[in-house]
Amino acid sequence: MDQKKVAAYFKSFLHKAELNLSVDCVIFTIQDDRLKVLLTQLFPDSGWMLPGGFIRKDEDSDTAANRILLERTGLNNIYQQQFEIFSDPGRFSFPKPKPELNLEDFEGIDLSLLPDRVISIGYFALVNYESLHLTGGLFEEDAYWSGVDELPELNYDHHKIIQHAREALRKELYFKPIAYNLLPEKFTMPELQKLHEIILGRTIERSSFQKRMLKWNIYERLEERREGVAHKRPYLYRFDREKYEEAIRHGMRFGI
């Protein structure tokens, strides 16, 4: 983290941002058969928190969330879903400058512009771990993936936001085929089922799961099989977006 860069950006950004409106992004991935979430830290020992930022005056919340996700992951077209607004009056206050910081870098900032109340719009996003290249954002933040059941102490109300995002993800999974966003382009039915089980926290009967997935006709079976597995090599599939969008137009309901 370059403090001069942070201070210069903050000064230039103040008049461009809605300082009482922010976005917090809960970026989920699967690693080592565990559901994980991305956490960041701006300054050493400043505490862990979710990737987020203020909404600019010339953008809506979806655009802000896309920008924040791109800055942190280097990826476009990530699946994301707005799930809740967090508006507790005491949820956020602007931090006071820490003694170890060079306060000269922050001279000229009009602290009267900083509001007492900041409302945050929560988004959750799904990304395939192998496709990621974490950038640290504009300020080269420290970042790491934490298991959702092994969270460290977090700043503000970010622990609450993560738990609510997890519940929103589970509910969404019951109605939309979104788990494929956590997989590479080609995957097997057992891999898709495993993802559902990790997210939902329960086992699913194999034959009924596969029958339900295939009846929707949105997963294209390829002529390739998964190599390097102990038992019978399962076929590879990929998500067919055109068939999915056509099914939606015809009113098909999805559910597990």
Protein backbone atom coordinates (compact mmCIF):
# COMPACT_ATOMS: atom_id res chain seq x y z
CA MET A 1 0.00 0.00 0.00
CA ASP A 2 1.30 3.40 -1.03
CA GLN A 3 0.00 5.99 1.45
CA LYS A 4 0.70 8.93 -0.87
CA LYS A 5 -1.36 7.22 -3.57
CA VAL A 6 -4.24 6.67 -1.14
CA ALA A 7 -4.19 10.31 0.02
CA ALA A 8 -3.98 11.71 -3.53
CA TYR A 9 -6.86 9.50 -4.72
CA PHE A 10 -8.98 10.37 -1.70
CA LYS A 11 -8.55 14.09 -2.28
CA SER A 12 -9.48 13.84 -5.96
CA PHE A 13 -12.36 11.44 -5.31
CA LEU A 14 -14.22 13.37 -2.60
CA HIS A 15 -16.16 15.63 -4.93
CA LYS A 16 -16.95 12.73 -7.32
CA ALA A 17 -18.48 10.37 -4.77
CA GLU A 18 -21.74 9.96 -2.91
CA LEU A 19 -20.02 9.79 0.47
CA ASN A 20 -23.07 8.47 2.29
CA LEU A 21 -23.62 5.60 -0.20
CA SER A 22 -21.25 2.67 -0.57
CA VAL A 23 -21.10 -0.84 -2.01
CA ASP A 24 -19.70 -3.87 -0.17
CA CYS A 25 -18.92 -6.95 -2.26
CA VAL A 26 -18.95 -10.46 -0.81
CA ILE A 27 -16.87 -12.37 -3.36
CA PHE A 28 -17.37 -16.13 -2.93
CA THR A 29 -15.23 -18.91 -4.33
CA ILE A 30 -14.66 -22.60 -3.64
CA GLN A 31 -11.19 -23.78 -2.63
CA ASP A 32 -10.24 -27.09 -1.02
CA ASP A 33 -13.93 -28.05 -0.84
CA ARG A 34 -14.74 -25.00 1.30
CA LEU A 35 -16.77 -21.89 0.62
CA LYS A 36 -14.45 -18.90 0.97
CA VAL A 37 -14.79 -15.13 0.87
CA LEU A 38 -12.28 -12.47 -0.14
CA LEU A 39 -11.09 -10.10 2.61
CA THR A 40 -8.87 -7.04 2.24
CA GLN A 41 -6.81 -4.78 4.48
CA LEU A 42 -5.85 -1.24 3.45
CA PHE A 43 -3.15 -0.50 6.01
CA PRO A 44 -1.07 -2.90 8.13
CA ASP A 45 -2.99 -3.78 11.30
CA SER A 46 -5.99 -1.70 10.17
CA GLY A 47 -8.27 -4.73 10.31
CA TRP A 48 -9.83 -6.99 7.70
CA MET A 49 -12.92 -6.04 5.76
CA LEU A 50 -14.84 -6.67 2.55
CA PRO A 51 -13.81 -5.13 -0.78
CA GLY A 52 -15.95 -2.07 -1.25
CA GLY A 53 -16.10 1.60 -2.05
CA PHE A 54 -18.26 4.65 -2.51
CA ILE A 55 -20.68 5.02 -5.39
CA ARG A 56 -19.63 7.75 -7.79
CA LYS A 57 -22.08 10.50 -8.66
CA ASP A 58 -22.10 9.40 -12.30
CA GLU A 59 -22.82 5.67 -11.71
CA ASP A 60 -25.53 3.44 -10.29
CA SER A 61 -24.87 0.79 -7.65
CA ASP A 62 -24.54 -2.08 -10.18
CA THR A 63 -21.88 -0.14 -12.08
CA ALA A 64 -20.05 0.61 -8.83
CA ALA A 65 -20.11 -3.07 -7.86
CA ASN A 66 -18.79 -4.09 -11.29
CA ARG A 67 -15.98 -1.54 -10.98
CA ILE A 68 -15.01 -2.75 -7.51
CA LEU A 69 -15.02 -6.40 -8.62
CA LEU A 70 -12.90 -5.62 -11.67
CA GLU A 71 -10.41 -3.65 -9.58
CA ARG A 72 -9.98 -6.54 -7.11
CA THR A 73 -10.15 -9.60 -9.40
CA GLY A 74 -9.21 -8.38 -12.87
CA LEU A 75 -12.36 -10.08 -14.21
CA ASN A 76 -15.32 -8.76 -16.18
CA ASN A 77 -18.78 -10.32 -16.44
CA ILE A 78 -18.73 -11.83 -12.96
CA TYR A 79 -22.03 -13.16 -11.67
CA GLN A 80 -23.22 -10.78 -8.98
CA GLN A 81 -26.46 -10.20 -7.14
CA GLN A 82 -27.61 -7.32 -4.98
CA PHE A 83 -29.06 -8.86 -1.84
CA GLU A 84 -29.58 -6.33 0.97
CA ILE A 85 -29.15 -2.72 2.12
CA PHE A 86 -27.35 -2.14 5.42
CA SER A 87 -28.45 1.11 7.03
CA ASP A 88 -27.94 0.86 10.77
CA PRO A 89 -27.11 4.44 11.90
CA GLY A 90 -24.03 3.25 13.82
CA ARG A 91 -22.70 0.76 11.27
CA PHE A 92 -19.84 2.93 9.95
CA SER A 93 -17.84 5.97 10.94
CA PHE A 94 -14.85 7.39 9.12
CA PRO A 95 -11.65 6.23 10.83
CA LYS A 96 -9.39 8.78 12.45
CA PRO A 97 -5.88 9.02 11.01
CA LYS A 98 -3.58 6.55 12.77
CA PRO A 99 -0.47 7.93 14.51
CA GLU A 100 1.87 5.88 12.33
CA LEU A 101 0.56 7.54 9.15
CA ASN A 102 2.16 10.60 7.65
CA LEU A 103 -0.59 13.14 8.20
CA GLU A 104 1.04 15.59 5.78
CA ASP A 105 -0.14 13.36 2.95
CA PHE A 106 -3.74 14.00 4.00
CA GLU A 107 -3.52 17.78 4.38
CA GLY A 108 -6.15 19.66 2.41
CA ILE A 109 -8.94 17.15 2.95
CA ASP A 110 -12.08 18.91 4.16
CA LEU A 111 -13.26 16.63 6.95
CA SER A 112 -16.60 18.46 7.07
CA LEU A 113 -17.48 16.65 3.82
CA LEU A 114 -17.42 13.29 5.57
CA PRO A 115 -20.92 12.20 6.65
CA ASP A 116 -21.85 10.66 9.99
CA ARG A 117 -23.97 8.00 8.31
CA VAL A 118 -22.98 5.71 5.43
CA ILE A 119 -25.48 3.28 3.93
CA SER A 120 -24.07 0.23 2.16
CA ILE A 121 -25.62 -1.84 -0.63
CA GLY A 122 -24.54 -5.47 -0.37
CA TYR A 123 -23.68 -7.61 -3.39
CA PHE A 124 -22.48 -11.18 -3.53
CA ALA A 125 -20.42 -12.45 -6.46
CA LEU A 126 -19.37 -15.94 -7.58
CA VAL A 127 -15.97 -16.60 -9.15
CA ASN A 128 -13.97 -19.65 -10.12
CA TYR A 129 -10.84 -19.75 -7.98
CA GLU A 130 -8.57 -20.90 -10.82
CA SER A 131 -9.55 -17.95 -13.04
CA LEU A 132 -8.65 -15.32 -10.45
CA HIS A 133 -5.67 -13.03 -10.32
CA LEU A 134 -6.04 -10.83 -7.26
CA THR A 135 -4.81 -7.31 -7.91
CA GLY A 136 -5.19 -5.66 -4.51
CA GLY A 137 -7.18 -2.88 -6.15
CA LEU A 138 -6.02 0.67 -6.70
CA PHE A 139 -4.19 0.76 -3.38
CA GLU A 140 -2.49 -2.64 -3.56
CA GLU A 141 -4.35 -3.84 -0.50
CA ASP A 142 -3.42 -7.02 1.30
CA ALA A 143 -5.97 -9.71 0.49
CA TYR A 144 -6.67 -13.30 1.41
CA TRP A 145 -9.39 -15.94 1.14
CA SER A 146 -11.05 -16.86 4.42
CA GLY A 147 -13.39 -19.77 4.99
CA VAL A 148 -16.85 -18.42 5.81
CA ASP A 149 -16.83 -20.48 9.01
CA GLU A 150 -13.33 -19.28 9.99
CA LEU A 151 -13.62 -15.51 9.71
CA PRO A 152 -11.24 -13.29 11.63
CA GLU A 153 -12.48 -10.25 13.51
CA LEU A 154 -13.82 -7.85 10.86
CA ASN A 155 -14.28 -4.09 10.73
CA TYR A 156 -17.71 -2.45 10.91
CA ASP A 157 -20.65 -4.82 10.30
CA HIS A 158 -18.88 -6.90 7.67
CA HIS A 159 -19.30 -10.17 9.56
CA LYS A 160 -23.05 -9.60 9.47
CA ILE A 161 -22.92 -8.74 5.76
CA ILE A 162 -21.09 -12.00 4.98
CA GLN A 163 -23.56 -14.12 6.92
CA HIS A 164 -26.52 -12.44 5.20
CA ALA A 165 -24.80 -12.91 1.82
CA ARG A 166 -24.34 -16.60 2.52
CA GLU A 167 -28.04 -17.00 3.28
CA ALA A 168 -28.94 -15.03 0.15
CA LEU A 169 -26.66 -17.29 -1.91
CA ARG A 170 -28.35 -20.40 -0.53
CA LYS A 171 -31.82 -19.04 -1.31
CA GLU A 172 -30.76 -18.02 -4.82
CA LEU A 173 -29.35 -21.50 -5.42
CA TYR A 174 -32.79 -23.02 -4.86
CA PHE A 175 -34.29 -21.01 -7.73
CA LYS A 176 -31.49 -20.34 -10.22
CA PRO A 177 -28.73 -22.54 -11.71
CA ILE A 178 -25.90 -20.25 -10.56
CA ALA A 179 -23.39 -22.72 -9.08
CA TYR A 180 -21.66 -23.22 -12.43
CA ASN A 181 -20.14 -19.75 -12.00
CA LEU A 182 -17.83 -21.29 -9.38
CA LEU A 183 -16.59 -23.96 -11.80
CA PRO A 184 -14.32 -23.90 -14.85
CA GLU A 185 -16.02 -23.85 -18.24
CA LYS A 186 -16.09 -27.66 -18.40
CA PHE A 187 -17.22 -29.67 -15.38
CA THR A 188 -18.81 -32.96 -14.38
CA MET A 189 -22.16 -33.58 -12.73
CA PRO A 190 -20.45 -34.88 -9.54
CA GLU A 191 -18.47 -31.64 -9.38
CA LEU A 192 -21.64 -29.58 -9.80
CA GLN A 193 -23.36 -31.60 -7.09
CA LYS A 194 -20.41 -31.18 -4.72
CA LEU A 195 -20.65 -27.40 -5.09
CA HIS A 196 -24.34 -27.47 -4.16
CA GLU A 197 -23.57 -29.57 -1.10
CA ILE A 198 -20.78 -27.23 0.05
CA ILE A 199 -22.98 -24.15 -0.29
CA LEU A 200 -26.10 -25.70 1.24
CA GLY A 201 -24.24 -27.56 3.98
CA ARG A 202 -26.00 -30.87 3.36
CA THR A 203 -25.72 -33.98 1.22
CA ILE A 204 -27.88 -34.47 -1.87
CA GLU A 205 -29.01 -37.81 -3.31
CA ARG A 206 -26.91 -38.35 -6.44
CA SER A 207 -29.40 -39.83 -8.92
CA SER A 208 -32.19 -37.36 -8.16
CA PHE A 209 -29.78 -34.41 -8.40
CA GLN A 210 -28.45 -35.43 -11.81
CA LYS A 211 -31.94 -36.17 -13.12
CA ARG A 212 -33.12 -32.73 -12.01
CA MET A 213 -30.14 -30.94 -13.58
CA LEU A 214 -30.45 -32.72 -16.91
CA LYS A 215 -34.20 -32.32 -17.30
CA TRP A 216 -33.73 -28.56 -17.67
CA ASN A 217 -31.69 -29.09 -20.85
CA ILE A 218 -29.32 -26.22 -20.03
CA TYR A 219 -26.19 -28.31 -19.47
CA GLU A 220 -24.59 -29.50 -22.69
CA ARG A 221 -22.94 -32.90 -22.42
CA LEU A 222 -19.63 -33.01 -24.26
CA GLU A 223 -17.93 -36.00 -25.83
CA GLU A 224 -15.06 -35.56 -23.39
CA ARG A 225 -14.65 -37.36 -20.09
CA ARG A 226 -12.83 -36.31 -16.92
CA GLU A 227 -9.39 -37.89 -16.86
CA GLY A 228 -7.42 -38.89 -13.78
CA VAL A 229 -10.32 -40.01 -11.58
CA ALA A 230 -10.33 -43.19 -9.53
CA HIS A 231 -13.61 -44.63 -10.80
CA LYS A 232 -15.60 -44.46 -14.02
CA ARG A 233 -14.66 -41.36 -15.97
CA PRO A 234 -17.69 -39.02 -15.92
CA TYR A 235 -18.72 -36.96 -18.91
CA LEU A 236 -17.88 -33.27 -19.01
CA TYR A 237 -20.62 -30.65 -19.34
CA ARG A 238 -20.84 -26.94 -19.89
CA PHE A 239 -23.56 -24.41 -19.21
CA ASP A 240 -25.57 -23.41 -22.30
CA ARG A 241 -26.58 -19.78 -21.75
CA GLU A 242 -28.71 -19.55 -24.90
CA LYS A 243 -30.85 -22.52 -23.85
CA TYR A 244 -31.10 -21.09 -20.33
CA GLU A 245 -32.32 -17.71 -21.59
CA GLU A 246 -34.80 -19.44 -23.91
CA ALA A 247 -36.10 -21.52 -21.00
CA ILE A 248 -36.56 -18.35 -18.94
CA ARG A 249 -38.55 -16.76 -21.78
CA HIS A 250 -40.84 -19.80 -21.78
CA GLY A 251 -41.42 -19.51 -18.04
CA MET A 252 -39.44 -22.55 -16.91
CA ARG A 253 -38.86 -22.73 -13.15
CA PHE A 254 -35.58 -23.94 -11.74
CA GLY A 255 -35.12 -25.45 -8.30
CA ILE A 256 -33.25 -28.14 -6.42
